[in-house]
Amino acid sequence: SGNGDNLTLTSTDADANVGPNLRLYRNSGSPVGNDLLGNIQWEGKNVADPAEDVVYAEMRAQIETTTDGSEDANFKWSIMKGGTLRDRLSLNNNATVFNDDSVDVDFRVESTGNANMLFVDWGNNKVGIGTNNPSEMLHCASDGIFDGNVKIDSDTKGLVLGADQDTTLFANAPGEMFIGRGVSVTPATGD
C-alpha cells in the first residue's frame, strides 16, 4: 500500500558481467510470425464513476519472422492520447518510426543552446530547424551551408531571392535560365 519498491532484482556479483538480469521468455512449441514476446504496461485509474482501469503506457515486443537465420522482430512504445493507446515509437527490421499512428503530436530534438534544434510539426506537415513555428515544409531559421547542389526539380518553381519574393531564378529546359520579378514563378514561354 506504500510507495516503496515493490520488486527489486539484486545481483551481488563483483565481476564485470551483466547483472541483475530480467528475462521475458516466450518458450513456444510452435513459434510463428506476429507472436507477442511480452508486454510491460503502466496502468492506473481514471476519474469515471466508478473509476476504470486504464493502460496509460505500454512497451511490447513481437516476432515478425521466425525463419532460422532471418529472424526479425519489432518493438513498440505506446502511450495514451485522447482515450486511445497510440504507437509513438516503433523499431522494426526496416525502420525506426516515430508516430506510426499519425497522431497530431509534434517531434522535437533539443540541443545545448536551442530547444527546437529539429522540430516536426505533425499537424501541419512542416519541419523546422531552429524554430518551432515553420512557415514552409522546410524552414531553417538561420544560415545554411550546402556542400552539394540545390536542385529544384520543377518547370514552374525556382530559386526565390529576397524575403518578399523580389527576384526568382528558374529554368524550364536544360541550359535555360530565366529571371523573373514578383510572386509568379511560372516560366515565360516563347523564345
C-alpha atoms as a PDB file:
ATOM      1  CA  SER A   1       0.000   0.000   0.000  1.00  0.00           C
ATOM      2  CA  GLY A   2       3.023   2.297   0.240  1.00  0.00           C
ATOM      3  CA  ASN A   3       5.161   3.990  -2.404  1.00  0.00           C
ATOM      4  CA  GLY A   4       8.306   1.936  -1.843  1.00  0.00           C
ATOM      5  CA  ASP A   5       9.840  -0.550  -4.261  1.00  0.00           C
ATOM      6  CA  ASN A   6       7.531  -3.499  -4.942  1.00  0.00           C
ATOM      7  CA  LEU A   7      10.039  -5.557  -6.882  1.00  0.00           C
ATOM      8  CA  THR A   8      13.825  -5.430  -6.629  1.00  0.00           C
ATOM      9  CA  LEU A   9      16.306  -7.567  -8.582  1.00  0.00           C
ATOM     10  CA  THR A  10      19.670  -7.598  -6.837  1.00  0.00           C
ATOM     11  CA  SER A  11      22.959  -9.072  -8.003  1.00  0.00           C
ATOM     12  CA  THR A  12      25.898  -9.231  -5.580  1.00  0.00           C
ATOM     13  CA  ASP A  13      28.430 -10.426  -8.175  1.00  0.00           C
ATOM     14  CA  ALA A  14      31.631  -8.379  -8.214  1.00  0.00           C
ATOM     15  CA  ASP A  15      32.680  -9.300 -11.751  1.00  0.00           C
ATOM     16  CA  ALA A  16      32.277  -7.295 -14.947  1.00  0.00           C
ATOM     17  CA  ASN A  17      29.423  -9.421 -16.317  1.00  0.00           C
ATOM     18  CA  VAL A  18      25.874  -8.111 -16.675  1.00  0.00           C
ATOM     19  CA  GLY A  19      23.606  -8.441 -13.675  1.00  0.00           C
ATOM     20  CA  PRO A  20      20.970  -8.473 -12.448  1.00  0.00           C
ATOM     21  CA  ASN A  21      19.013  -9.791 -15.412  1.00  0.00           C
ATOM     22  CA  LEU A  22      15.312  -9.816 -16.213  1.00  0.00           C
ATOM     23  CA  ARG A  23      14.330 -12.224 -18.981  1.00  0.00           C
ATOM     24  CA  LEU A  24      10.940 -12.315 -20.688  1.00  0.00           C
ATOM     25  CA  TYR A  25      10.970 -15.689 -22.481  1.00  0.00           C
ATOM     26  CA  ARG A  26       8.190 -16.956 -24.717  1.00  0.00           C
ATOM     27  CA  ASN A  27       9.015 -20.650 -24.962  1.00  0.00           C
ATOM     28  CA  SER A  28       6.522 -21.599 -27.682  1.00  0.00           C
ATOM     29  CA  GLY A  29       6.403 -25.098 -29.163  1.00  0.00           C
ATOM     30  CA  SER A  30       5.212 -23.621 -32.486  1.00  0.00           C
ATOM     31  CA  PRO A  31       6.602 -20.088 -32.919  1.00  0.00           C
ATOM     32  CA  VAL A  32       5.181 -18.067 -35.817  1.00  0.00           C
ATOM     33  CA  GLY A  33       5.341 -14.505 -37.073  1.00  0.00           C
ATOM     34  CA  ASN A  34       3.315 -11.956 -35.073  1.00  0.00           C
ATOM     35  CA  ASP A  35       3.735 -13.884 -31.794  1.00  0.00           C
ATOM     36  CA  LEU A  36       3.870 -11.352 -28.974  1.00  0.00           C
ATOM     37  CA  LEU A  37       7.002 -11.815 -26.845  1.00  0.00           C
ATOM     38  CA  GLY A  38       5.863  -9.782 -23.881  1.00  0.00           C
ATOM     39  CA  ASN A  39       4.270  -6.560 -22.669  1.00  0.00           C
ATOM     40  CA  ILE A  40       5.127  -4.133 -19.928  1.00  0.00           C
ATOM     41  CA  GLN A  41       2.162  -1.929 -19.046  1.00  0.00           C
ATOM     42  CA  TRP A  42       1.747   1.111 -16.825  1.00  0.00           C
ATOM     43  CA  GLU A  43      -1.812   1.087 -15.600  1.00  0.00           C
ATOM     44  CA  GLY A  44      -3.794   3.430 -13.397  1.00  0.00           C
ATOM     45  CA  LYS A  45      -7.297   4.698 -12.740  1.00  0.00           C
ATOM     46  CA  ASN A  46      -9.324   7.424 -14.406  1.00  0.00           C
ATOM     47  CA  VAL A  47     -11.981   9.619 -12.775  1.00  0.00           C
ATOM     48  CA  ALA A  48     -15.043   7.831 -14.164  1.00  0.00           C
ATOM     49  CA  ASP A  49     -17.738   6.875 -11.658  1.00  0.00           C
ATOM     50  CA  PRO A  50     -16.869   4.184 -10.797  1.00  0.00           C
ATOM     51  CA  ALA A  51     -13.157   4.618 -11.656  1.00  0.00           C
ATOM     52  CA  GLU A  52     -11.866   2.449 -14.507  1.00  0.00           C
ATOM     53  CA  ASP A  53      -8.502   0.794 -15.002  1.00  0.00           C
ATOM     54  CA  VAL A  54      -6.588   2.399 -17.888  1.00  0.00           C
ATOM     55  CA  VAL A  55      -3.323   1.326 -19.560  1.00  0.00           C
ATOM     56  CA  TYR A  56      -1.587   4.717 -19.865  1.00  0.00           C
ATOM     57  CA  ALA A  57       1.652   3.419 -21.401  1.00  0.00           C
ATOM     58  CA  GLU A  58       2.943   0.163 -22.828  1.00  0.00           C
ATOM     59  CA  MET A  59       6.086  -1.412 -24.261  1.00  0.00           C
ATOM     60  CA  ARG A  60       5.749  -4.604 -26.273  1.00  0.00           C
ATOM     61  CA  ALA A  61       7.963  -6.874 -28.350  1.00  0.00           C
ATOM     62  CA  GLN A  62       6.749  -9.058 -31.188  1.00  0.00           C
ATOM     63  CA  ILE A  63       8.214 -11.613 -33.570  1.00  0.00           C
ATOM     64  CA  GLU A  64       7.946 -10.635 -37.233  1.00  0.00           C
ATOM     65  CA  THR A  65       9.803 -13.555 -38.833  1.00  0.00           C
ATOM     66  CA  THR A  66      10.849 -16.874 -37.278  1.00  0.00           C
ATOM     67  CA  THR A  67      12.878 -18.223 -40.238  1.00  0.00           C
ATOM     68  CA  ASP A  68      16.213 -19.575 -38.982  1.00  0.00           C
ATOM     69  CA  GLY A  69      18.981 -17.110 -39.791  1.00  0.00           C
ATOM     70  CA  SER A  70      16.485 -14.425 -40.902  1.00  0.00           C
ATOM     71  CA  GLU A  71      14.665 -13.717 -37.644  1.00  0.00           C
ATOM     72  CA  ASP A  72      13.050 -10.278 -37.374  1.00  0.00           C
ATOM     73  CA  ALA A  73      11.223  -8.514 -34.565  1.00  0.00           C
ATOM     74  CA  ASN A  74       9.549  -5.246 -33.729  1.00  0.00           C
ATOM     75  CA  PHE A  75       9.481  -3.283 -30.507  1.00  0.00           C
ATOM     76  CA  LYS A  76       6.834  -0.633 -29.829  1.00  0.00           C
ATOM     77  CA  TRP A  77       6.270   2.066 -27.232  1.00  0.00           C
ATOM     78  CA  SER A  78       2.714   3.341 -26.882  1.00  0.00           C
ATOM     79  CA  ILE A  79       1.093   5.994 -24.720  1.00  0.00           C
ATOM     80  CA  MET A  80      -2.473   7.100 -24.095  1.00  0.00           C
ATOM     81  CA  LYS A  81      -3.662  10.062 -26.182  1.00  0.00           C
ATOM     82  CA  GLY A  82      -7.278  11.209 -26.105  1.00  0.00           C
ATOM     83  CA  GLY A  83      -8.531   7.945 -24.630  1.00  0.00           C
ATOM     84  CA  THR A  84      -6.748   5.624 -27.100  1.00  0.00           C
ATOM     85  CA  LEU A  85      -3.415   3.840 -26.725  1.00  0.00           C
ATOM     86  CA  ARG A  86      -1.273   5.052 -29.664  1.00  0.00           C
ATOM     87  CA  ASP A  87       2.060   3.783 -31.026  1.00  0.00           C
ATOM     88  CA  ARG A  88       4.608   6.572 -30.621  1.00  0.00           C
ATOM     89  CA  LEU A  89       7.888   4.735 -31.322  1.00  0.00           C
ATOM     90  CA  SER A  90       8.243   1.606 -33.450  1.00  0.00           C
ATOM     91  CA  LEU A  91      11.513  -0.210 -34.099  1.00  0.00           C
ATOM     92  CA  ASN A  92      11.433  -2.967 -36.704  1.00  0.00           C
ATOM     93  CA  ASN A  93      13.699  -4.647 -39.249  1.00  0.00           C
ATOM     94  CA  ASN A  94      13.116  -1.915 -41.871  1.00  0.00           C
ATOM     95  CA  ALA A  95      12.828   1.372 -39.996  1.00  0.00           C
ATOM     96  CA  THR A  96      12.640   3.357 -36.800  1.00  0.00           C
ATOM     97  CA  VAL A  97       9.315   5.169 -36.951  1.00  0.00           C
ATOM     98  CA  PHE A  98       8.040   7.953 -34.740  1.00  0.00           C
ATOM     99  CA  ASN A  99       4.274   8.436 -34.535  1.00  0.00           C
ATOM    100  CA  ASP A 100       3.259   5.440 -36.677  1.00  0.00           C
ATOM    101  CA  ASP A 101      -0.387   6.006 -35.715  1.00  0.00           C
ATOM    102  CA  SER A 102      -0.312   9.547 -37.213  1.00  0.00           C
ATOM    103  CA  VAL A 103      -1.369  11.271 -34.002  1.00  0.00           C
ATOM    104  CA  ASP A 104      -1.227  15.079 -34.048  1.00  0.00           C
ATOM    105  CA  VAL A 105       1.784  15.393 -31.743  1.00  0.00           C
ATOM    106  CA  ASP A 106       4.975  17.244 -32.554  1.00  0.00           C
ATOM    107  CA  PHE A 107       8.502  15.818 -32.527  1.00  0.00           C
ATOM    108  CA  ARG A 108      11.282  17.945 -31.075  1.00  0.00           C
ATOM    109  CA  VAL A 109      15.042  17.491 -30.679  1.00  0.00           C
ATOM    110  CA  GLU A 110      16.732  19.882 -28.262  1.00  0.00           C
ATOM    111  CA  SER A 111      20.404  20.856 -28.458  1.00  0.00           C
ATOM    112  CA  THR A 112      22.515  22.564 -25.805  1.00  0.00           C
ATOM    113  CA  GLY A 113      21.507  26.050 -26.902  1.00  0.00           C
ATOM    114  CA  ASN A 114      18.302  25.556 -28.899  1.00  0.00           C
ATOM    115  CA  ALA A 115      15.091  23.987 -27.598  1.00  0.00           C
ATOM    116  CA  ASN A 116      13.933  23.466 -31.208  1.00  0.00           C
ATOM    117  CA  MET A 117      17.074  22.321 -32.989  1.00  0.00           C
ATOM    118  CA  LEU A 118      14.853  19.985 -35.019  1.00  0.00           C
ATOM    119  CA  PHE A 119      11.071  20.340 -34.897  1.00  0.00           C
ATOM    120  CA  VAL A 120       8.483  18.327 -36.838  1.00  0.00           C
ATOM    121  CA  ASP A 121       5.003  19.856 -36.847  1.00  0.00           C
ATOM    122  CA  TRP A 122       2.845  16.758 -37.370  1.00  0.00           C
ATOM    123  CA  GLY A 123      -0.469  18.570 -37.782  1.00  0.00           C
ATOM    124  CA  ASN A 124       0.805  20.950 -40.473  1.00  0.00           C
ATOM    125  CA  ASN A 125       3.325  18.610 -42.179  1.00  0.00           C
ATOM    126  CA  LYS A 126       6.250  21.001 -41.715  1.00  0.00           C
ATOM    127  CA  VAL A 127       9.822  20.695 -40.451  1.00  0.00           C
ATOM    128  CA  GLY A 128      11.678  23.442 -38.641  1.00  0.00           C
ATOM    129  CA  ILE A 129      15.392  23.720 -37.984  1.00  0.00           C
ATOM    130  CA  GLY A 130      15.927  26.151 -35.118  1.00  0.00           C
ATOM    131  CA  THR A 131      12.232  27.074 -34.977  1.00  0.00           C
ATOM    132  CA  ASN A 132       9.059  25.548 -33.564  1.00  0.00           C
ATOM    133  CA  ASN A 133       6.885  27.522 -35.983  1.00  0.00           C
ATOM    134  CA  PRO A 134       7.956  26.502 -39.502  1.00  0.00           C
ATOM    135  CA  SER A 135       6.221  28.509 -42.216  1.00  0.00           C
ATOM    136  CA  GLU A 136       7.047  26.137 -45.108  1.00  0.00           C
ATOM    137  CA  MET A 137       7.571  22.405 -45.500  1.00  0.00           C
ATOM    138  CA  LEU A 138      11.234  23.008 -44.563  1.00  0.00           C
ATOM    139  CA  HIS A 139      12.102  26.153 -42.625  1.00  0.00           C
ATOM    140  CA  CYS A 140      15.670  26.831 -41.488  1.00  0.00           C
ATOM    141  CA  ALA A 141      15.752  29.712 -39.001  1.00  0.00           C
ATOM    142  CA  SER A 142      19.411  30.534 -39.556  1.00  0.00           C
ATOM    143  CA  ASP A 143      22.163  30.308 -42.157  1.00  0.00           C
ATOM    144  CA  GLY A 144      22.705  27.047 -44.007  1.00  0.00           C
ATOM    145  CA  ILE A 145      25.587  25.569 -45.958  1.00  0.00           C
ATOM    146  CA  PHE A 146      25.135  23.094 -48.799  1.00  0.00           C
ATOM    147  CA  ASP A 147      28.170  21.080 -49.860  1.00  0.00           C
ATOM    148  CA  GLY A 148      26.200  19.768 -52.818  1.00  0.00           C
ATOM    149  CA  ASN A 149      23.794  21.190 -55.367  1.00  0.00           C
ATOM    150  CA  VAL A 150      20.440  22.724 -54.554  1.00  0.00           C
ATOM    151  CA  LYS A 151      18.118  21.026 -57.033  1.00  0.00           C
ATOM    152  CA  ILE A 152      14.729  22.454 -57.964  1.00  0.00           C
ATOM    153  CA  ASP A 153      13.048  19.709 -59.976  1.00  0.00           C
ATOM    154  CA  SER A 154      10.134  21.576 -61.485  1.00  0.00           C
ATOM    155  CA  ASP A 155       9.377  23.667 -64.545  1.00  0.00           C
ATOM    156  CA  THR A 156       7.191  26.028 -62.529  1.00  0.00           C
ATOM    157  CA  LYS A 157       9.285  26.541 -59.398  1.00  0.00           C
ATOM    158  CA  GLY A 158      12.508  28.438 -58.939  1.00  0.00           C
ATOM    159  CA  LEU A 159      15.002  29.901 -56.521  1.00  0.00           C
ATOM    160  CA  VAL A 160      13.441  32.955 -54.888  1.00  0.00           C
ATOM    161  CA  LEU A 161      15.829  35.686 -53.760  1.00  0.00           C
ATOM    162  CA  GLY A 162      14.568  38.221 -51.247  1.00  0.00           C
ATOM    163  CA  ALA A 163      12.166  37.961 -48.334  1.00  0.00           C
ATOM    164  CA  ASP A 164       9.295  39.380 -50.400  1.00  0.00           C
ATOM    165  CA  GLN A 165       9.920  37.199 -53.464  1.00  0.00           C
ATOM    166  CA  ASP A 166      11.545  40.084 -55.308  1.00  0.00           C
ATOM    167  CA  THR A 167      13.523  38.018 -57.821  1.00  0.00           C
ATOM    168  CA  THR A 168      13.121  34.434 -58.954  1.00  0.00           C
ATOM    169  CA  LEU A 169      15.582  32.311 -60.945  1.00  0.00           C
ATOM    170  CA  PHE A 170      14.088  29.377 -62.833  1.00  0.00           C
ATOM    171  CA  ALA A 171      14.522  27.180 -65.882  1.00  0.00           C
ATOM    172  CA  ASN A 172      12.002  25.292 -67.988  1.00  0.00           C
ATOM    173  CA  ALA A 173      14.503  23.411 -70.156  1.00  0.00           C
ATOM    174  CA  PRO A 174      18.111  22.227 -69.794  1.00  0.00           C
ATOM    175  CA  GLY A 175      20.582  25.051 -70.399  1.00  0.00           C
ATOM    176  CA  GLU A 176      17.995  27.810 -69.972  1.00  0.00           C
ATOM    177  CA  MET A 177      17.801  30.345 -67.156  1.00  0.00           C
ATOM    178  CA  PHE A 178      15.081  32.902 -66.614  1.00  0.00           C
ATOM    179  CA  ILE A 179      14.948  35.744 -64.132  1.00  0.00           C
ATOM    180  CA  GLY A 180      11.519  36.896 -63.062  1.00  0.00           C
ATOM    181  CA  ARG A 181      10.212  39.588 -60.717  1.00  0.00           C
ATOM    182  CA  GLY A 182       7.250  39.447 -58.392  1.00  0.00           C
ATOM    183  CA  VAL A 183       5.478  36.497 -56.824  1.00  0.00           C
ATOM    184  CA  SER A 184       4.854  34.478 -60.010  1.00  0.00           C
ATOM    185  CA  VAL A 185       7.462  31.850 -60.797  1.00  0.00           C
ATOM    186  CA  THR A 186       5.775  30.436 -63.891  1.00  0.00           C
ATOM    187  CA  PRO A 187       8.368  30.420 -66.709  1.00  0.00           C
ATOM    188  CA  ALA A 188       7.701  32.586 -69.722  1.00  0.00           C
ATOM    189  CA  THR A 189       7.074  30.705 -72.973  1.00  0.00           C
ATOM    190  CA  GLY A 190       8.468  31.568 -76.361  1.00  0.00           C
ATOM    191  CA  ASP A 191      11.984  32.415 -77.499  1.00  0.00           C
END
